[in-house]
């Protein structure tokens, strides 16, 4: 079972001494954050940080990325949840058992409300 959140992150390098410089000093990369197993601590990351397939609080998520990467992060854009079918099935089951946490009537509503169309289920080959 495997899943990860995919973000595009733009960050800046800021040399700590005056005798070095970098050019360019801004870069974009892909940040992958492991998705916690459904029902475990941290599994509600998507509920707490995403809305309709977008970052719901850019400042907060930028701060999370800055802490994780150790460089000033300028922007973070959510690209999707990349998952295998086993994780996705477990996620849907756990959401269904906890609809009250989402103020929703169905699993489909929850997935659409928070992740939009940004779910990529990969084959289990």
C-alpha atoms as a PDB file:
ATOM      1  CA  UNK A   1       0.000   0.000   0.000  1.00  0.00           C
ATOM      2  CA  UNK A   2       1.532   3.299  -1.121  1.00  0.00           C
ATOM      3  CA  UNK A   3       0.438   6.880  -1.680  1.00  0.00           C
ATOM      4  CA  UNK A   4       2.050  10.292  -1.819  1.00  0.00           C
ATOM      5  CA  UNK A   5       0.996  13.884  -2.207  1.00  0.00           C
ATOM      6  CA  UNK A   6       2.686  15.648  -5.128  1.00  0.00           C
ATOM      7  CA  UNK A   7       3.453  19.372  -4.990  1.00  0.00           C
ATOM      8  CA  UNK A   8       5.259  21.787  -7.284  1.00  0.00           C
ATOM      9  CA  UNK A   9       7.520  23.895  -5.082  1.00  0.00           C
ATOM     10  CA  UNK A  10       9.401  27.056  -5.978  1.00  0.00           C
ATOM     11  CA  UNK A  11      12.244  27.885  -3.593  1.00  0.00           C
ATOM     12  CA  UNK A  12      15.128  30.286  -3.255  1.00  0.00           C
ATOM     13  CA  UNK A  13      18.736  29.691  -2.324  1.00  0.00           C
ATOM     14  CA  UNK A  14      20.124  32.381  -0.061  1.00  0.00           C
ATOM     15  CA  UNK A  15      23.886  32.018   0.517  1.00  0.00           C
ATOM     16  CA  UNK A  16      24.880  32.586   4.128  1.00  0.00           C
ATOM     17  CA  UNK A  17      28.139  34.360   3.355  1.00  0.00           C
ATOM     18  CA  UNK A  18      28.784  37.441   1.266  1.00  0.00           C
ATOM     19  CA  UNK A  19      31.610  35.896  -0.758  1.00  0.00           C
ATOM     20  CA  UNK A  20      29.376  33.461  -2.694  1.00  0.00           C
ATOM     21  CA  UNK A  21      26.369  33.906  -4.908  1.00  0.00           C
ATOM     22  CA  UNK A  22      24.125  31.690  -6.985  1.00  0.00           C
ATOM     23  CA  UNK A  23      22.520  32.342 -10.310  1.00  0.00           C
ATOM     24  CA  UNK A  24      19.777  31.587 -10.779  1.00  0.00           C
ATOM     25  CA  UNK A  25      18.757  31.706  -7.138  1.00  0.00           C
ATOM     26  CA  UNK A  26      15.192  30.431  -7.626  1.00  0.00           C
ATOM     27  CA  UNK A  27      14.291  26.895  -8.614  1.00  0.00           C
ATOM     28  CA  UNK A  28      11.217  24.746  -9.058  1.00  0.00           C
ATOM     29  CA  UNK A  29      11.086  21.104  -8.092  1.00  0.00           C
ATOM     30  CA  UNK A  30       8.607  18.398  -7.214  1.00  0.00           C
ATOM     31  CA  UNK A  31       8.046  17.695  -3.544  1.00  0.00           C
ATOM     32  CA  UNK A  32       6.602  14.297  -2.635  1.00  0.00           C
ATOM     33  CA  UNK A  33       5.046  13.859   0.807  1.00  0.00           C
ATOM     34  CA  UNK A  34       4.199  10.316   1.886  1.00  0.00           C
ATOM     35  CA  UNK A  35       0.505   9.912   2.644  1.00  0.00           C
ATOM     36  CA  UNK A  36      -0.147   8.391   6.045  1.00  0.00           C
ATOM     37  CA  UNK A  37      -2.110   5.146   6.104  1.00  0.00           C
ATOM     38  CA  UNK A  38      -5.862   5.709   6.384  1.00  0.00           C
ATOM     39  CA  UNK A  39      -6.998   5.858   9.997  1.00  0.00           C
ATOM     40  CA  UNK A  40      -3.512   6.568  11.417  1.00  0.00           C
ATOM     41  CA  UNK A  41      -2.114   9.843  12.751  1.00  0.00           C
ATOM     42  CA  UNK A  42      -1.719  12.276   9.879  1.00  0.00           C
ATOM     43  CA  UNK A  43      -4.140  10.588   7.484  1.00  0.00           C
ATOM     44  CA  UNK A  44      -6.320  13.721   7.426  1.00  0.00           C
ATOM     45  CA  UNK A  45      -3.557  15.784   5.795  1.00  0.00           C
ATOM     46  CA  UNK A  46      -5.712  16.210   2.686  1.00  0.00           C
ATOM     47  CA  UNK A  47      -8.691  17.435   4.723  1.00  0.00           C
ATOM     48  CA  UNK A  48      -6.586  19.890   6.693  1.00  0.00           C
ATOM     49  CA  UNK A  49      -4.520  21.311   3.816  1.00  0.00           C
ATOM     50  CA  UNK A  50      -6.435  20.969   0.546  1.00  0.00           C
ATOM     51  CA  UNK A  51      -9.694  22.240  -0.905  1.00  0.00           C
ATOM     52  CA  UNK A  52     -11.063  21.376  -4.353  1.00  0.00           C
ATOM     53  CA  UNK A  53      -7.658  20.101  -5.426  1.00  0.00           C
ATOM     54  CA  UNK A  54      -5.795  23.252  -4.375  1.00  0.00           C
ATOM     55  CA  UNK A  55      -3.742  24.261  -1.331  1.00  0.00           C
ATOM     56  CA  UNK A  56      -6.285  25.819   1.045  1.00  0.00           C
ATOM     57  CA  UNK A  57      -3.832  27.991   3.028  1.00  0.00           C
ATOM     58  CA  UNK A  58      -0.793  28.803   0.875  1.00  0.00           C
ATOM     59  CA  UNK A  59       1.099  30.520   3.703  1.00  0.00           C
ATOM     60  CA  UNK A  60       0.744  27.543   6.036  1.00  0.00           C
ATOM     61  CA  UNK A  61       1.727  24.986   3.389  1.00  0.00           C
ATOM     62  CA  UNK A  62       4.675  27.164   2.321  1.00  0.00           C
ATOM     63  CA  UNK A  63       5.823  27.158   5.964  1.00  0.00           C
ATOM     64  CA  UNK A  64       5.499  23.362   6.108  1.00  0.00           C
ATOM     65  CA  UNK A  65       7.573  23.041   2.938  1.00  0.00           C
ATOM     66  CA  UNK A  66      10.173  25.545   4.182  1.00  0.00           C
ATOM     67  CA  UNK A  67      10.564  23.543   7.396  1.00  0.00           C
ATOM     68  CA  UNK A  68      10.832  20.271   5.485  1.00  0.00           C
ATOM     69  CA  UNK A  69      13.312  21.525   2.881  1.00  0.00           C
ATOM     70  CA  UNK A  70      15.359  23.973   4.924  1.00  0.00           C
ATOM     71  CA  UNK A  71      15.202  26.675   2.252  1.00  0.00           C
ATOM     72  CA  UNK A  72      12.834  29.618   1.762  1.00  0.00           C
ATOM     73  CA  UNK A  73       9.846  28.321  -0.216  1.00  0.00           C
ATOM     74  CA  UNK A  74       8.174  30.934  -2.398  1.00  0.00           C
ATOM     75  CA  UNK A  75       5.189  28.938  -3.636  1.00  0.00           C
ATOM     76  CA  UNK A  76       3.567  25.531  -3.356  1.00  0.00           C
ATOM     77  CA  UNK A  77       0.986  24.130  -5.762  1.00  0.00           C
ATOM     78  CA  UNK A  78      -0.813  20.846  -5.212  1.00  0.00           C
ATOM     79  CA  UNK A  79      -0.484  18.526  -8.202  1.00  0.00           C
ATOM     80  CA  UNK A  80      -2.231  15.420  -6.943  1.00  0.00           C
ATOM     81  CA  UNK A  81      -2.480  12.352  -4.797  1.00  0.00           C
ATOM     82  CA  UNK A  82      -0.555   9.522  -6.438  1.00  0.00           C
ATOM     83  CA  UNK A  83      -1.655   6.168  -5.061  1.00  0.00           C
ATOM     84  CA  UNK A  84      -2.014   2.481  -5.702  1.00  0.00           C
ATOM     85  CA  UNK A  85      -5.413   0.792  -5.778  1.00  0.00           C
ATOM     86  CA  UNK A  86      -4.926  -0.855  -2.367  1.00  0.00           C
ATOM     87  CA  UNK A  87      -4.302   2.485  -0.624  1.00  0.00           C
ATOM     88  CA  UNK A  88      -7.141   4.158  -2.530  1.00  0.00           C
ATOM     89  CA  UNK A  89      -9.587   1.420  -1.501  1.00  0.00           C
ATOM     90  CA  UNK A  90      -8.466   1.709   2.137  1.00  0.00           C
ATOM     91  CA  UNK A  91      -8.776   5.497   1.988  1.00  0.00           C
ATOM     92  CA  UNK A  92     -12.317   5.331   0.624  1.00  0.00           C
ATOM     93  CA  UNK A  93     -13.310   2.756   3.242  1.00  0.00           C
ATOM     94  CA  UNK A  94     -11.891   4.845   6.092  1.00  0.00           C
ATOM     95  CA  UNK A  95     -13.523   8.019   4.775  1.00  0.00           C
ATOM     96  CA  UNK A  96     -16.828   6.142   4.570  1.00  0.00           C
ATOM     97  CA  UNK A  97     -16.496   5.123   8.211  1.00  0.00           C
ATOM     98  CA  UNK A  98     -15.797   8.727   9.228  1.00  0.00           C
ATOM     99  CA  UNK A  99     -18.063  10.915   7.082  1.00  0.00           C
ATOM    100  CA  UNK A 100     -18.838  13.081  10.116  1.00  0.00           C
ATOM    101  CA  UNK A 101     -15.209  14.313  10.101  1.00  0.00           C
ATOM    102  CA  UNK A 102     -15.846  15.815   6.682  1.00  0.00           C
ATOM    103  CA  UNK A 103     -19.411  17.110   7.013  1.00  0.00           C
ATOM    104  CA  UNK A 104     -20.278  15.098   3.934  1.00  0.00           C
ATOM    105  CA  UNK A 105     -22.859  12.514   2.881  1.00  0.00           C
ATOM    106  CA  UNK A 106     -20.673  10.307   0.699  1.00  0.00           C
ATOM    107  CA  UNK A 107     -17.106   9.255   0.001  1.00  0.00           C
ATOM    108  CA  UNK A 108     -17.357  10.740  -3.491  1.00  0.00           C
ATOM    109  CA  UNK A 109     -18.337  14.105  -2.000  1.00  0.00           C
ATOM    110  CA  UNK A 110     -15.308  14.031   0.334  1.00  0.00           C
ATOM    111  CA  UNK A 111     -12.866  13.140  -2.432  1.00  0.00           C
ATOM    112  CA  UNK A 112     -14.250  15.855  -4.684  1.00  0.00           C
ATOM    113  CA  UNK A 113     -14.421  18.441  -1.889  1.00  0.00           C
ATOM    114  CA  UNK A 114     -10.772  18.095  -0.893  1.00  0.00           C
ATOM    115  CA  UNK A 115      -8.854  16.480  -3.748  1.00  0.00           C
ATOM    116  CA  UNK A 116     -10.924  17.549  -6.733  1.00  0.00           C
ATOM    117  CA  UNK A 117      -9.901  15.567  -9.790  1.00  0.00           C
ATOM    118  CA  UNK A 118      -6.285  15.328  -8.610  1.00  0.00           C
ATOM    119  CA  UNK A 119      -6.186  11.618  -7.759  1.00  0.00           C
ATOM    120  CA  UNK A 120      -3.985   9.344  -9.815  1.00  0.00           C
ATOM    121  CA  UNK A 121      -4.422   5.629  -9.114  1.00  0.00           C
ATOM    122  CA  UNK A 122      -1.554   3.652 -10.564  1.00  0.00           C
ATOM    123  CA  UNK A 123      -1.812   0.064 -11.718  1.00  0.00           C
ATOM    124  CA  UNK A 124      -0.554  -2.576  -9.316  1.00  0.00           C
ATOM    125  CA  UNK A 125       1.599  -4.345 -11.911  1.00  0.00           C
END
